[in-house]
Amino acid sequence: MLTVTQMFKGLIAVCLSVFLWLGGGSRIMPLIFPQNNAIATNASSEVETAVNGFLTNIPRQYYTVKNEDELEKLVNNEDAQLIDVREPLEYAKGHILNAINIPVRDLAKLQSKIPKDRPVILYCSVGYRTTIGVTALHLLGYNNVLGYPPSVQGWKEAGKSLNNG
């Protein structure tokens, strides 16, 4: 199961990425990459507003499905779509039944495969990519996305089996 420290580290990584993406590194980046200065300093106020709104409204449970029973209930009773955000080779070695594979780096490109009309639950190996994916999709306007932080590790520890192939 993902510890609070692990979730916090994942959130810090996402926040740092967003900070840099919004131009927070505009004083440092021109020294390293002078050509990126114009991009970094022209961060959209619309994006800043969206990120600020997201960060100030993060719920206490942070869009979390806490255990395998809750996950199974959402899949069976609410037709939730499971998305494995690991790489294709990881997915092929074993994934939760009925999950589709969209690597975290491809979520924005493959939004057409992500439903908006029913719950979507992301998971990975141990929770880091889940946190990044949930954050990214919420910033893209998905209000139906949850994360399963125990991820594959927690699923196996609960005695559940994985599908191969």
Protein backbone atom coordinates (compact mmCIF):
# COMPACT_ATOMS: atom_id res chain seq x y z
CA MET A 1 0.00 0.00 0.00
CA LEU A 2 1.21 3.50 -0.79
CA THR A 3 2.39 5.42 2.24
CA VAL A 4 1.64 9.07 2.91
CA THR A 5 5.32 9.82 2.27
CA GLN A 6 5.20 8.11 -1.13
CA MET A 7 2.04 10.00 -2.10
CA PHE A 8 3.60 13.24 -0.91
CA LYS A 9 6.74 12.61 -3.00
CA GLY A 10 4.57 11.95 -6.05
CA LEU A 11 2.59 15.13 -5.45
CA ILE A 12 5.81 17.13 -5.01
CA ALA A 13 7.08 15.79 -8.35
CA VAL A 14 3.84 16.81 -10.07
CA CYS A 15 3.86 20.24 -8.42
CA LEU A 16 7.47 20.82 -9.42
CA SER A 17 6.67 19.81 -12.98
CA VAL A 18 3.67 22.15 -13.09
CA PHE A 19 5.76 24.93 -11.48
CA LEU A 20 8.41 24.60 -14.17
CA TRP A 21 5.81 24.25 -16.92
CA LEU A 22 4.11 27.46 -15.77
CA GLY A 23 7.37 29.35 -15.98
CA GLY A 24 8.45 29.10 -12.37
CA GLY A 25 11.89 28.17 -13.57
CA SER A 26 12.07 31.16 -15.90
CA ARG A 27 14.98 32.60 -13.94
CA ILE A 28 16.93 29.35 -13.99
CA MET A 29 15.99 27.87 -17.36
CA PRO A 30 17.33 30.75 -19.55
CA LEU A 31 20.78 30.02 -18.16
CA ILE A 32 20.48 26.39 -19.25
CA PHE A 33 18.23 26.73 -22.31
CA PRO A 34 18.16 30.35 -23.55
CA GLN A 35 15.79 29.50 -26.43
CA ASN A 36 13.06 28.45 -23.95
CA ASN A 37 12.95 31.83 -22.21
CA ALA A 38 10.10 33.15 -24.36
CA ILE A 39 8.01 30.03 -23.74
CA ALA A 40 8.60 30.06 -19.97
CA THR A 41 7.75 33.73 -19.52
CA ASN A 42 4.54 33.56 -21.55
CA ALA A 43 2.67 31.08 -19.36
CA SER A 44 -1.04 31.55 -19.85
CA SER A 45 -2.95 33.14 -16.98
CA GLU A 46 -5.75 30.76 -17.96
CA VAL A 47 -3.48 27.80 -17.18
CA GLU A 48 -2.36 29.39 -13.92
CA THR A 49 -5.99 29.91 -12.92
CA ALA A 50 -6.84 26.28 -13.75
CA VAL A 51 -3.89 24.91 -11.77
CA ASN A 52 -4.62 27.18 -8.82
CA GLY A 53 -8.27 26.13 -8.84
CA PHE A 54 -7.28 22.48 -8.93
CA LEU A 55 -4.72 22.75 -6.13
CA THR A 56 -6.97 24.76 -3.82
CA ASN A 57 -9.86 22.31 -4.27
CA ILE A 58 -8.06 18.99 -3.78
CA PRO A 59 -10.36 16.92 -1.59
CA ARG A 60 -9.11 15.34 1.62
CA GLN A 61 -9.10 11.82 0.13
CA TYR A 62 -7.44 13.08 -3.09
CA TYR A 63 -9.69 11.25 -5.53
CA THR A 64 -8.78 7.90 -4.03
CA VAL A 65 -10.16 4.39 -4.23
CA LYS A 66 -8.71 2.97 -1.02
CA ASN A 67 -8.93 -0.80 -1.43
CA GLU A 68 -9.73 -3.66 -3.79
CA ASP A 69 -13.29 -4.10 -2.48
CA GLU A 70 -14.14 -0.49 -3.30
CA LEU A 71 -12.46 -0.87 -6.70
CA GLU A 72 -14.45 -4.01 -7.55
CA LYS A 73 -17.69 -2.35 -6.40
CA LEU A 74 -17.09 0.65 -8.70
CA VAL A 75 -16.26 -1.60 -11.66
CA ASN A 76 -19.21 -3.95 -11.12
CA ASN A 77 -21.90 -1.48 -9.98
CA GLU A 78 -20.97 1.74 -11.77
CA ASP A 79 -19.26 0.38 -14.90
CA ALA A 80 -16.01 2.14 -14.01
CA GLN A 81 -13.26 2.05 -16.64
CA LEU A 82 -9.93 0.81 -15.28
CA ILE A 83 -6.87 2.33 -16.92
CA ASP A 84 -3.43 0.87 -16.31
CA VAL A 85 -1.01 3.79 -16.77
CA ARG A 86 2.12 1.63 -16.82
CA GLU A 87 4.16 0.96 -19.93
CA PRO A 88 2.86 -1.69 -22.41
CA LEU A 89 5.47 -4.28 -21.39
CA GLU A 90 4.47 -3.92 -17.73
CA TYR A 91 0.79 -4.24 -18.68
CA ALA A 92 1.49 -7.39 -20.72
CA LYS A 93 3.18 -9.05 -17.73
CA GLY A 94 -0.03 -8.73 -15.72
CA HIS A 95 -2.92 -6.30 -15.26
CA ILE A 96 -6.22 -6.09 -13.40
CA LEU A 97 -9.08 -7.73 -15.31
CA ASN A 98 -10.82 -5.47 -17.88
CA ALA A 99 -8.25 -2.69 -17.59
CA ILE A 100 -7.10 -0.94 -20.72
CA ASN A 101 -3.53 0.30 -21.10
CA ILE A 102 -2.79 3.98 -21.65
CA PRO A 103 0.72 4.86 -20.45
CA VAL A 104 0.74 7.99 -18.28
CA ARG A 105 2.81 9.87 -20.90
CA ASP A 106 0.05 9.24 -23.48
CA LEU A 107 -3.02 10.26 -21.44
CA ALA A 108 -3.35 13.71 -23.02
CA LYS A 109 -2.89 12.32 -26.55
CA LEU A 110 -5.40 9.51 -26.06
CA GLN A 111 -8.22 11.38 -24.35
CA SER A 112 -10.65 9.94 -26.92
CA LYS A 113 -10.26 6.56 -25.16
CA ILE A 114 -11.07 8.00 -21.72
CA PRO A 115 -14.80 8.22 -20.93
CA LYS A 116 -16.26 11.30 -19.28
CA ASP A 117 -19.68 9.80 -18.56
CA ARG A 118 -18.69 7.13 -16.03
CA PRO A 119 -16.03 6.66 -13.34
CA VAL A 120 -12.44 6.19 -14.51
CA ILE A 121 -9.91 4.59 -12.17
CA LEU A 122 -6.17 4.81 -12.82
CA TYR A 123 -3.53 2.51 -11.37
CA CYS A 124 0.14 1.69 -11.94
CA SER A 125 2.76 -0.39 -10.10
CA VAL A 126 2.95 1.40 -6.74
CA GLY A 127 1.05 4.68 -7.11
CA TYR A 128 3.42 7.36 -8.45
CA ARG A 129 2.18 7.35 -12.04
CA THR A 130 -1.39 7.04 -10.76
CA THR A 131 -1.01 10.37 -8.92
CA ILE A 132 0.50 12.05 -11.97
CA GLY A 133 -2.26 10.69 -14.22
CA VAL A 134 -5.11 11.69 -11.90
CA THR A 135 -3.66 15.19 -11.58
CA ALA A 136 -3.15 15.57 -15.33
CA LEU A 137 -6.66 14.40 -16.21
CA HIS A 138 -8.26 16.66 -13.62
CA LEU A 139 -6.32 19.58 -15.08
CA LEU A 140 -7.67 18.55 -18.51
CA GLY A 141 -11.24 18.80 -17.19
CA TYR A 142 -12.01 15.22 -16.19
CA ASN A 143 -14.07 15.28 -12.98
CA ASN A 144 -14.75 11.54 -13.02
CA VAL A 145 -11.19 10.27 -12.47
CA LEU A 146 -10.03 8.44 -9.36
CA GLY A 147 -6.77 6.76 -8.47
CA TYR A 148 -6.21 3.35 -6.93
CA PRO A 149 -2.95 4.08 -5.03
CA PRO A 150 -2.41 0.52 -3.80
CA SER A 151 -2.03 -0.22 -7.51
CA VAL A 152 -0.74 -3.59 -8.77
CA GLN A 153 1.36 -4.12 -5.65
CA GLY A 154 -1.64 -3.70 -3.34
CA TRP A 155 -3.87 -5.79 -5.62
CA LYS A 156 -1.43 -8.71 -5.42
CA GLU A 157 -0.93 -8.28 -1.67
CA ALA A 158 -4.70 -8.58 -1.26
CA GLY A 159 -4.49 -12.02 -2.91
CA LYS A 160 -6.04 -10.91 -6.19
CA SER A 161 -4.78 -12.31 -9.47
CA LEU A 162 -3.62 -10.46 -12.56
CA ASN A 163 -4.49 -11.17 -16.20
CA ASN A 164 -1.59 -11.77 -18.55
CA GLY A 165 -1.38 -10.75 -22.17
